[in-house]
């Protein structure tokens, strides 16, 4: 059998390849979807009644800015890693962690200060489990959306992809929860807002190979 005939036979049953949009365009689409999902979700469960006051509070704005920065930087890194050959530096992996550490670090310092002022009472997170349920709902759409988009690419580092995917989605969810929940005590935020982010991020790293393997 001639080589050209063999090539024709082998390629006859191969489905056409659909070219993906550039990684930065896909990230922009995901970010618009994630923020819209979070806004619609918070509208469904109810915006915090003092959101106007919160938006004038520098503390709320700093934490919100760190959440948004973590989501953006993590999402950018996840989409970059999904494309083999795209130049990447160590900063693309460290910057999302730096903003997340700053975000969590502020809350830990606030908890430490509250403990020295209030004693053990400052360590009580309260019984506000609904924040976790809202977090799960707000993170589900962005997480699944990015997973489907990255599965279409050719990621060679699926665990890292899974971790940054999860961190980006969880950060969007945490940002949404901050517009729903009026309890800003450090213990409450660390247990019901931050702990789900940590768990989801670790799960993303652990399950990245399974989540992002194209079927």
Protein backbone atom coordinates (compact mmCIF):
# COMPACT_ATOMS: atom_id res chain seq x y z
CA UNK A 1 0.00 0.00 0.00
CA UNK A 2 1.35 3.39 -0.98
CA UNK A 3 2.04 5.98 1.70
CA UNK A 4 -0.49 8.49 0.35
CA UNK A 5 -3.22 5.87 0.24
CA UNK A 6 -2.42 4.82 3.81
CA UNK A 7 -2.63 8.43 4.98
CA UNK A 8 -5.99 8.89 3.26
CA UNK A 9 -7.41 5.76 4.89
CA UNK A 10 -6.15 6.68 8.33
CA UNK A 11 -7.42 10.25 8.13
CA UNK A 12 -10.80 9.34 6.69
CA UNK A 13 -12.33 8.53 10.08
CA UNK A 14 -10.62 11.31 12.01
CA UNK A 15 -13.10 14.02 13.08
CA UNK A 16 -12.21 17.60 12.16
CA UNK A 17 -10.22 19.51 14.74
CA UNK A 18 -11.90 22.64 16.09
CA UNK A 19 -9.41 25.37 16.79
CA UNK A 20 -9.74 26.88 20.25
CA UNK A 21 -9.76 30.58 20.96
CA UNK A 22 -6.52 32.00 22.42
CA UNK A 23 -6.09 31.24 26.11
CA UNK A 24 -6.50 34.88 27.15
CA UNK A 25 -9.78 35.18 25.23
CA UNK A 26 -11.09 32.03 26.90
CA UNK A 27 -10.05 33.42 30.29
CA UNK A 28 -11.95 36.65 29.62
CA UNK A 29 -15.05 34.66 28.71
CA UNK A 30 -14.73 32.57 31.86
CA UNK A 31 -14.25 35.61 34.12
CA UNK A 32 -17.33 37.33 32.70
CA UNK A 33 -19.34 34.14 33.21
CA UNK A 34 -17.99 33.55 36.75
CA UNK A 35 -18.76 37.07 37.98
CA UNK A 36 -22.20 36.99 36.36
CA UNK A 37 -22.92 33.61 37.97
CA UNK A 38 -21.86 34.92 41.37
CA UNK A 39 -23.96 38.08 41.00
CA UNK A 40 -27.03 36.10 39.95
CA UNK A 41 -26.48 33.64 42.79
CA UNK A 42 -26.25 36.39 45.40
CA UNK A 43 -29.35 38.01 43.93
CA UNK A 44 -31.14 34.68 44.35
CA UNK A 45 -30.18 34.19 48.02
CA UNK A 46 -30.30 37.88 48.90
CA UNK A 47 -27.78 40.71 49.00
CA UNK A 48 -26.61 41.84 52.42
CA UNK A 49 -28.77 44.81 53.47
CA UNK A 50 -25.76 46.94 54.46
CA UNK A 51 -23.88 46.50 51.17
CA UNK A 52 -23.76 50.25 50.62
CA UNK A 53 -22.02 50.73 53.95
CA UNK A 54 -19.73 47.77 53.25
CA UNK A 55 -18.65 49.23 49.90
CA UNK A 56 -17.57 52.40 51.72
CA UNK A 57 -15.49 50.40 54.22
CA UNK A 58 -11.75 50.25 53.32
CA UNK A 59 -11.40 46.93 55.15
CA UNK A 60 -14.15 45.34 53.04
CA UNK A 61 -12.67 46.80 49.84
CA UNK A 62 -9.15 45.54 50.60
CA UNK A 63 -10.35 42.00 51.29
CA UNK A 64 -12.64 42.09 48.27
CA UNK A 65 -9.80 43.33 46.10
CA UNK A 66 -7.57 40.49 47.28
CA UNK A 67 -10.31 37.94 46.54
CA UNK A 68 -10.81 39.34 43.05
CA UNK A 69 -7.05 39.51 42.42
CA UNK A 70 -6.68 35.90 43.53
CA UNK A 71 -9.47 34.83 41.20
CA UNK A 72 -8.01 36.72 38.23
CA UNK A 73 -4.40 35.62 38.75
CA UNK A 74 -5.38 32.00 39.40
CA UNK A 75 -7.63 31.94 36.36
CA UNK A 76 -4.93 33.41 34.13
CA UNK A 77 -2.44 30.82 35.35
CA UNK A 78 -4.89 27.96 34.87
CA UNK A 79 -5.58 28.92 31.25
CA UNK A 80 -1.89 29.52 30.50
CA UNK A 81 -0.97 26.10 31.86
CA UNK A 82 -3.62 24.46 29.68
CA UNK A 83 -1.72 25.38 26.51
CA UNK A 84 1.61 23.59 25.98
CA UNK A 85 4.34 25.89 24.73
CA UNK A 86 2.94 29.11 26.18
CA UNK A 87 5.78 30.83 27.97
CA UNK A 88 5.34 30.86 31.71
CA UNK A 89 7.50 31.97 34.59
CA UNK A 90 7.50 31.08 38.23
CA UNK A 91 5.68 34.36 38.95
CA UNK A 92 2.59 33.09 37.22
CA UNK A 93 2.37 30.36 39.84
CA UNK A 94 3.48 32.37 42.85
CA UNK A 95 1.41 35.53 42.42
CA UNK A 96 -1.98 33.85 43.01
CA UNK A 97 -0.58 32.29 46.16
CA UNK A 98 0.80 35.63 47.30
CA UNK A 99 -2.57 37.38 47.04
CA UNK A 100 -4.31 34.44 48.73
CA UNK A 101 -1.79 34.47 51.58
CA UNK A 102 -2.24 38.23 52.01
CA UNK A 103 -6.02 37.78 52.09
CA UNK A 104 -5.91 34.97 54.66
CA UNK A 105 -3.07 36.60 56.58
CA UNK A 106 -5.10 39.75 57.25
CA UNK A 107 -7.88 37.63 58.76
CA UNK A 108 -5.47 35.63 60.92
CA UNK A 109 -3.93 38.83 62.30
CA UNK A 110 -7.41 40.19 63.00
CA UNK A 111 -8.34 36.97 64.81
CA UNK A 112 -5.18 37.20 66.91
CA UNK A 113 -5.97 40.80 67.86
CA UNK A 114 -9.58 39.93 68.64
CA UNK A 115 -8.44 37.05 70.84
CA UNK A 116 -6.24 39.37 72.90
CA UNK A 117 -9.14 41.77 73.32
CA UNK A 118 -12.05 39.38 73.80
CA UNK A 119 -10.48 36.12 74.91
CA UNK A 120 -11.94 32.77 73.87
CA UNK A 121 -15.16 34.42 72.72
CA UNK A 122 -13.29 35.70 69.68
CA UNK A 123 -12.65 32.11 68.56
CA UNK A 124 -16.34 31.25 68.26
CA UNK A 125 -17.26 31.18 64.54
CA UNK A 126 -20.97 30.98 65.26
CA UNK A 127 -23.45 28.57 63.77
CA UNK A 128 -23.81 30.02 60.28
CA UNK A 129 -23.55 26.97 58.03
CA UNK A 130 -25.60 28.62 55.31
CA UNK A 131 -22.49 30.48 54.16
CA UNK A 132 -20.95 27.14 53.16
CA UNK A 133 -24.02 26.19 51.13
CA UNK A 134 -24.03 29.55 49.37
CA UNK A 135 -20.29 29.20 48.74
CA UNK A 136 -20.81 25.80 47.13
CA UNK A 137 -23.52 27.12 44.84
CA UNK A 138 -21.53 30.18 43.79
CA UNK A 139 -18.40 28.13 43.08
CA UNK A 140 -20.09 25.29 41.21
CA UNK A 141 -20.79 27.14 37.95
CA UNK A 142 -17.36 28.81 37.56
CA UNK A 143 -15.58 25.59 38.53
CA UNK A 144 -17.43 23.39 36.07
CA UNK A 145 -17.23 26.03 33.37
CA UNK A 146 -13.46 26.36 33.60
CA UNK A 147 -13.01 22.58 33.85
CA UNK A 148 -14.92 22.07 30.60
CA UNK A 149 -12.92 24.80 28.86
CA UNK A 150 -9.57 23.43 30.02
CA UNK A 151 -10.50 19.84 29.15
CA UNK A 152 -10.76 20.98 25.53
CA UNK A 153 -7.13 22.10 25.61
CA UNK A 154 -4.03 19.94 26.03
CA UNK A 155 -2.86 20.49 29.57
CA UNK A 156 0.33 18.68 30.52
CA UNK A 157 0.16 19.72 34.18
CA UNK A 158 -3.33 18.70 35.14
CA UNK A 159 -2.82 18.76 38.90
CA UNK A 160 -1.52 22.33 38.87
CA UNK A 161 -4.28 23.21 36.44
CA UNK A 162 -6.82 21.69 38.78
CA UNK A 163 -5.44 23.60 41.76
CA UNK A 164 -5.50 27.01 40.07
CA UNK A 165 -8.90 26.26 38.54
CA UNK A 166 -10.28 25.48 41.99
CA UNK A 167 -8.61 28.48 43.64
CA UNK A 168 -9.98 30.85 40.99
CA UNK A 169 -13.51 29.48 41.28
CA UNK A 170 -13.40 29.39 45.07
CA UNK A 171 -12.17 33.00 45.22
CA UNK A 172 -15.11 34.12 43.08
CA UNK A 173 -17.43 32.19 45.39
CA UNK A 174 -15.88 33.75 48.51
CA UNK A 175 -16.25 37.20 46.97
CA UNK A 176 -19.91 36.48 46.34
CA UNK A 177 -20.44 35.22 49.90
CA UNK A 178 -18.99 38.49 51.25
CA UNK A 179 -21.89 40.30 49.54
CA UNK A 180 -24.37 37.92 51.16
CA UNK A 181 -23.07 37.44 54.70
CA UNK A 182 -23.10 40.29 57.23
CA UNK A 183 -20.98 38.46 59.82
CA UNK A 184 -17.44 39.80 59.56
CA UNK A 185 -15.92 38.38 62.74
CA UNK A 186 -12.51 36.89 61.83
CA UNK A 187 -13.34 33.47 63.31
CA UNK A 188 -16.54 33.22 61.29
CA UNK A 189 -14.89 34.31 58.04
CA UNK A 190 -11.94 31.93 58.49
CA UNK A 191 -14.16 28.92 59.23
CA UNK A 192 -17.10 29.46 56.88
CA UNK A 193 -15.57 31.54 54.08
CA UNK A 194 -11.86 30.65 53.95
CA UNK A 195 -11.85 26.98 54.97
CA UNK A 196 -14.00 26.03 51.95
CA UNK A 197 -11.51 27.83 49.70
CA UNK A 198 -8.61 25.83 51.16
CA UNK A 199 -10.49 22.52 50.91
CA UNK A 200 -11.65 23.18 47.36
CA UNK A 201 -8.15 24.21 46.25
CA UNK A 202 -6.52 21.10 47.72
CA UNK A 203 -9.23 18.93 46.14
CA UNK A 204 -8.52 20.60 42.79
CA UNK A 205 -4.84 19.69 43.02
CA UNK A 206 -5.58 16.15 44.13
CA UNK A 207 -8.28 15.46 41.52
CA UNK A 208 -6.84 17.49 38.64
CA UNK A 209 -5.75 14.42 36.70
CA UNK A 210 -9.27 13.02 36.85
CA UNK A 211 -11.19 16.26 36.27
CA UNK A 212 -9.18 17.52 33.34
CA UNK A 213 -8.55 14.35 31.36
CA UNK A 214 -10.51 14.52 28.12
CA UNK A 215 -12.75 11.54 27.52
